[in-house]
Protein backbone atom coordinates (compact mmCIF):
# COMPACT_ATOMS: atom_id res chain seq x y z
CA MET A 1 -38.63 43.75 -152.16
CA LYS A 2 -37.07 41.08 -150.69
CA ASN A 3 -33.28 42.53 -151.27
CA LEU A 4 -34.44 45.79 -149.25
CA PHE A 5 -35.30 44.16 -146.58
CA ALA A 6 -32.23 41.23 -146.17
CA PHE A 7 -29.92 44.63 -146.86
CA LEU A 8 -31.65 46.41 -143.91
CA ALA A 9 -31.80 43.45 -141.85
CA VAL A 10 -28.17 43.16 -142.32
CA LEU A 11 -27.42 46.73 -141.25
CA ALA A 12 -29.01 46.66 -137.75
CA ILE A 13 -27.37 43.54 -137.19
CA LEU A 14 -23.75 45.59 -138.00
CA SER A 15 -25.24 48.56 -135.28
CA PHE A 16 -25.93 46.41 -132.83
CA GLY A 17 -23.24 44.39 -133.18
CA THR A 18 -21.11 47.70 -133.26
CA SER A 19 -22.50 49.51 -130.24
CA GLY A 20 -22.42 45.91 -128.44
CA ILE A 21 -18.74 45.79 -128.64
CA ALA A 22 -18.50 49.33 -127.73
CA ILE A 23 -20.62 49.61 -124.66
CA ALA A 24 -18.16 46.17 -123.63
CA GLN A 25 -14.99 48.24 -124.23
CA ASP A 26 -16.35 51.01 -122.05
CA ASP A 27 -17.04 48.07 -119.51
CA VAL A 28 -13.50 46.71 -119.36
CA ASP A 29 -11.52 50.60 -119.35
CA VAL A 30 -13.86 50.93 -116.35
CA VAL A 31 -13.26 47.90 -114.75
CA THR A 32 -9.18 48.36 -115.63
CA GLU A 33 -9.39 51.70 -113.68
CA GLU A 34 -11.19 50.54 -110.72
CA ALA A 35 -9.21 47.28 -110.46
CA VAL A 36 -5.80 49.70 -110.95
CA PRO A 37 -6.45 52.71 -108.03
CA GLU A 38 -3.95 55.55 -108.62
CA THR A 39 -0.99 55.90 -105.75
CA PRO A 40 -0.19 59.40 -104.60
CA VAL A 41 3.31 60.27 -104.61
CA THR A 42 4.22 61.70 -101.25
CA PRO A 43 6.94 64.95 -102.07
CA ALA A 44 9.86 62.32 -99.75
CA GLN A 45 9.10 59.51 -102.46
CA VAL A 46 10.14 62.20 -104.64
CA LEU A 47 12.60 64.37 -103.02
CA GLU A 48 14.60 62.00 -99.68
CA PRO A 49 16.13 64.82 -97.19
CA GLU A 50 20.07 64.12 -97.15
CA GLU A 51 21.70 62.91 -93.76
CA ALA A 52 22.60 65.42 -91.08
CA GLN A 53 26.65 65.18 -91.39
CA PRO A 54 28.04 65.38 -88.08
CA LEU A 55 29.89 68.70 -85.90
CA HIS A 56 33.43 67.94 -86.69
CA GLN A 57 32.51 67.29 -90.63
CA GLU A 58 31.04 70.40 -91.07
CA ILE A 59 33.42 72.51 -89.82
CA LYS A 60 36.03 70.81 -91.41
CA ARG A 61 33.79 70.99 -94.79
CA ILE A 62 33.42 74.78 -94.03
CA PHE A 63 37.32 75.10 -93.78
CA ILE A 64 38.44 73.67 -96.11
CA GLU A 65 36.00 76.03 -98.42
CA GLY A 66 36.89 78.80 -96.41
CA GLY A 67 40.21 78.79 -97.79
CA ALA A 68 43.60 77.08 -95.97
CA GLY A 69 45.44 80.57 -96.07
CA PHE A 70 43.37 82.69 -94.28
CA MET A 71 41.32 80.52 -92.33
CA GLY A 72 44.49 78.64 -91.31
CA VAL A 73 45.56 82.32 -89.50
CA VAL A 74 42.45 82.47 -87.42
CA LEU A 75 42.60 79.48 -86.30
CA LEU A 76 45.95 79.98 -85.40
CA ALA A 77 44.69 83.45 -83.62
CA LEU A 78 41.87 81.09 -81.50
CA ILE A 79 44.77 78.53 -80.49
CA PHE A 80 46.91 80.83 -78.89
CA GLY A 81 44.08 82.82 -77.52
CA LEU A 82 42.75 80.13 -75.89
CA ALA A 83 45.84 79.13 -74.66
CA ILE A 84 46.68 82.17 -72.83
CA ALA A 85 42.88 83.02 -71.48
CA ILE A 86 43.26 79.33 -69.81
CA GLU A 87 46.48 79.80 -68.84
CA ARG A 88 45.75 83.00 -67.67
CA ILE A 89 42.83 81.37 -65.29
CA LEU A 90 44.53 78.75 -63.60
CA TYR A 91 47.07 80.83 -62.52
CA LEU A 92 44.44 83.73 -61.34
CA ASN A 93 41.69 80.44 -59.38
CA PHE A 94 45.22 80.04 -57.37
CA ALA A 95 46.72 83.12 -56.76
CA THR A 96 42.54 83.47 -55.24
CA THR A 97 43.93 83.61 -51.07
CA ASN A 98 41.67 83.42 -48.26
CA THR A 99 42.83 86.95 -46.43
CA GLU A 100 40.19 86.55 -43.85
CA LYS A 101 42.22 83.25 -42.78
CA LEU A 102 45.51 84.99 -43.78
CA LEU A 103 44.63 87.98 -41.84
CA SER A 104 43.43 85.98 -38.34
CA GLU A 105 46.51 84.02 -38.76
CA VAL A 106 49.32 86.42 -39.44
CA GLU A 107 48.04 88.62 -35.76
CA GLU A 108 47.46 85.35 -34.27
CA ALA A 109 51.33 84.89 -34.60
CA LEU A 110 52.38 88.45 -34.64
CA ALA A 111 50.80 88.40 -30.82
CA ASN A 112 52.73 84.54 -30.34
CA GLY A 113 55.82 84.73 -32.18
CA GLY A 114 56.30 87.97 -33.41
CA VAL A 115 56.95 89.67 -37.07
CA GLU A 116 59.09 86.51 -37.30
CA GLU A 117 56.42 84.37 -36.56
CA ALA A 118 53.98 86.56 -38.82
CA LYS A 119 56.35 86.08 -42.20
CA GLU A 120 56.88 82.39 -41.77
CA VAL A 121 53.20 82.19 -41.97
CA CYS A 122 52.89 84.02 -45.18
CA ARG A 123 56.36 81.99 -47.15
CA ASN A 124 53.66 79.45 -46.79
CA THR A 125 50.58 80.80 -47.68
CA ARG A 126 49.83 80.89 -51.72
CA GLY A 127 49.07 83.94 -53.49
CA PRO A 128 50.09 88.05 -53.57
CA VAL A 129 48.29 88.87 -50.52
CA ALA A 130 50.51 86.58 -48.95
CA SER A 131 53.39 88.04 -50.95
CA ILE A 132 52.26 91.39 -50.33
CA PHE A 133 51.70 90.85 -46.54
CA TYR A 134 55.41 89.78 -46.60
CA GLN A 135 57.04 92.32 -48.54
CA GLY A 136 55.21 94.71 -45.42
CA LEU A 137 55.97 92.70 -42.85
CA SER A 138 59.82 92.68 -44.26
CA LYS A 139 59.92 96.31 -43.24
CA PHE A 140 58.15 96.28 -40.14
CA ASP A 141 61.29 97.82 -37.36
CA GLU A 142 61.77 100.42 -39.93
CA GLY A 143 58.34 102.13 -38.96
CA ILE A 144 54.97 101.92 -40.79
CA ASP A 145 55.11 104.91 -43.67
CA VAL A 146 57.94 102.23 -45.05
CA VAL A 147 56.22 99.50 -44.74
CA GLU A 148 53.04 101.02 -45.62
CA LYS A 149 55.27 102.74 -49.17
CA SER A 150 56.15 99.38 -49.43
CA VAL A 151 52.86 97.74 -50.00
CA VAL A 152 51.93 100.13 -51.76
CA ALA A 153 54.92 99.40 -54.22
CA TYR A 154 54.46 96.19 -54.09
CA GLY A 155 51.08 95.90 -55.12
CA GLY A 156 51.77 97.26 -57.68
CA VAL A 157 54.32 94.64 -58.79
CA GLN A 158 52.20 91.41 -57.90
CA THR A 159 48.86 93.81 -60.31
CA GLY A 160 51.05 93.59 -63.18
CA LEU A 161 51.30 89.89 -62.18
CA LEU A 162 48.29 89.30 -62.80
CA GLU A 163 47.60 91.10 -66.27
CA LYS A 164 50.08 89.38 -67.59
CA ASN A 165 49.99 88.61 -71.20
CA MET A 166 46.25 90.25 -71.19
CA THR A 167 47.36 92.42 -73.83
CA TRP A 168 48.74 89.12 -76.44
CA ILE A 169 44.73 88.18 -75.58
CA SER A 170 43.39 91.33 -76.37
CA LEU A 171 45.74 91.45 -79.58
CA PHE A 172 43.99 88.26 -81.08
CA ILE A 173 40.81 89.41 -80.52
CA SER A 174 41.60 92.57 -82.79
CA ILE A 175 43.35 90.58 -85.30
CA ALA A 176 40.39 87.45 -85.63
CA PRO A 177 38.27 89.38 -87.11
CA MET A 178 40.90 91.84 -89.45
CA LEU A 179 41.74 88.29 -91.24
CA GLY A 180 38.06 88.43 -92.02
CA PHE A 181 37.46 91.13 -93.78
CA MET A 182 40.58 90.85 -95.71
CA GLY A 183 39.31 86.73 -96.61
CA THR A 184 36.49 88.71 -97.68
CA VAL A 185 38.26 91.68 -99.35
CA ILE A 186 40.35 88.64 -101.64
CA GLY A 187 37.62 87.12 -102.11
CA MET A 188 35.74 89.54 -103.56
CA ILE A 189 38.51 90.35 -105.68
CA ALA A 190 38.64 86.65 -106.71
CA ALA A 191 34.83 86.93 -107.83
CA PHE A 192 34.97 89.67 -109.74
CA ASP A 193 38.88 88.46 -111.79
CA SER A 194 36.00 85.35 -112.67
CA ILE A 195 33.59 88.47 -113.76
CA GLU A 196 36.32 89.66 -116.00
CA ALA A 197 38.09 86.79 -117.36
CA ALA A 198 34.51 85.62 -118.03
CA GLY A 199 33.64 88.85 -119.57
CA ASP A 200 29.87 87.71 -118.83
CA ILE A 201 28.63 87.71 -115.49
CA SER A 202 26.67 84.50 -114.09
CA PRO A 203 25.86 83.47 -110.91
CA SER A 204 28.27 80.39 -110.92
CA LEU A 205 31.21 83.05 -111.23
CA VAL A 206 31.06 85.11 -108.26
CA ALA A 207 28.69 82.81 -105.37
CA GLY A 208 32.80 80.99 -104.87
CA GLY A 209 34.35 83.93 -104.24
CA ILE A 210 31.09 85.45 -102.23
CA LYS A 211 30.98 81.80 -100.31
CA VAL A 212 34.81 82.14 -99.52
CA ALA A 213 34.34 85.80 -98.17
CA LEU A 214 31.23 85.21 -95.95
CA ILE A 215 32.61 82.14 -94.57
CA THR A 216 36.35 83.79 -94.04
CA THR A 217 34.51 87.26 -92.39
CA VAL A 218 32.32 84.47 -89.68
CA SER A 219 35.17 82.82 -88.64
CA GLY A 220 37.20 86.24 -87.63
CA LEU A 221 34.16 87.22 -86.16
CA VAL A 222 33.69 83.90 -84.07
CA VAL A 223 37.09 83.88 -83.15
CA ALA A 224 37.40 87.52 -81.80
CA ILE A 225 33.35 86.71 -79.28
CA ILE A 226 34.90 83.81 -77.56
CA LEU A 227 37.84 85.23 -77.24
CA GLN A 228 36.00 88.50 -75.93
CA VAL A 229 34.19 86.02 -73.57
CA PHE A 230 37.60 84.62 -72.08
CA TYR A 231 39.28 88.57 -72.00
CA ASN A 232 36.39 89.76 -69.53
CA TYR A 233 36.33 87.01 -67.67
CA ILE A 234 39.91 87.34 -66.62
CA ALA A 235 39.60 91.27 -66.44
CA SER A 236 36.70 90.66 -63.73
CA LYS A 237 38.69 88.18 -62.11
CA VAL A 238 41.79 90.17 -61.73
CA ASP A 239 39.67 93.37 -60.66
CA SER A 240 38.00 91.16 -58.15
CA LEU A 241 42.15 90.14 -56.67
CA VAL A 242 43.23 93.78 -56.78
CA ASN A 243 40.11 94.50 -54.74
CA THR A 244 41.38 92.16 -52.22
CA MET A 245 44.82 93.16 -52.02
CA GLU A 246 44.22 96.78 -51.59
CA ASP A 247 41.77 95.80 -48.74
CA ALA A 248 43.66 93.35 -47.03
CA SER A 249 46.63 96.09 -47.33
CA ILE A 250 44.52 97.95 -45.29
CA SER A 251 43.83 95.62 -42.51
CA LEU A 252 47.63 94.80 -42.47
CA ILE A 253 48.57 98.02 -42.24
CA ASP A 254 45.94 98.21 -38.63
CA ILE A 255 47.12 94.93 -38.01
CA LEU A 256 50.83 96.08 -37.45
CA VAL A 257 50.13 100.30 -35.92
CA LYS A 258 48.43 97.85 -33.20
CA HIS A 259 50.51 95.41 -32.92
CA ASN A 260 53.57 98.44 -32.49
CA LEU A 261 51.23 100.73 -29.73
CA LYS A 262 51.43 97.51 -27.56
CA LYS A 263 55.11 97.01 -27.75
């Protein structure tokens, strides 16, 4: 009987000891978890955004990816078109004349010093209007009808000078998107060649050719849009100057008729 009680006592001690160890272990785990809290990982820590590149670096990268061949030709179209457009803008701005002031000076010169004095005023004035006036005054001795015909004929010459080189701008406007579309076709051909060589359709095979196609197309359209804006501005400026020349020519004929009647 004593042995039975001793065995039960040892078993009870072992049971309580194991339970105490398990409870202590649980307490340690809880303390550990409380002592080291989890730190949430933000998306910014997982993937940091790339720094934005400067504009000229981005343009350079796109130019290289589009292919030096067609992108170079499109760039040349832009450079030549802008050069001609800027030259035309400067020419038209220098050709602008204060016609009201010129008409008053010509009328005053006719009243005070005659035709030669009026021709001198026109000779010292810049612009197509003054050139037309000078041409008309040079024919004054031949009659008003001859003066009118001379003014009309020389007005056409001055209009041609104002519209000089505008056809080149329109050419570059037309050829830039054509070059872009040609680059598109060649890029698609390269993509299909890659598919044929690999014998399988894979996004990595066609992505390069399609990207070149899209870049050249966009570049050609951008060049055409830029040059079209300059072309429309130049055309509107030419129309304004032509209208001014026609109005001033009519006023000159009226002044010469009055001067002829006074003689």
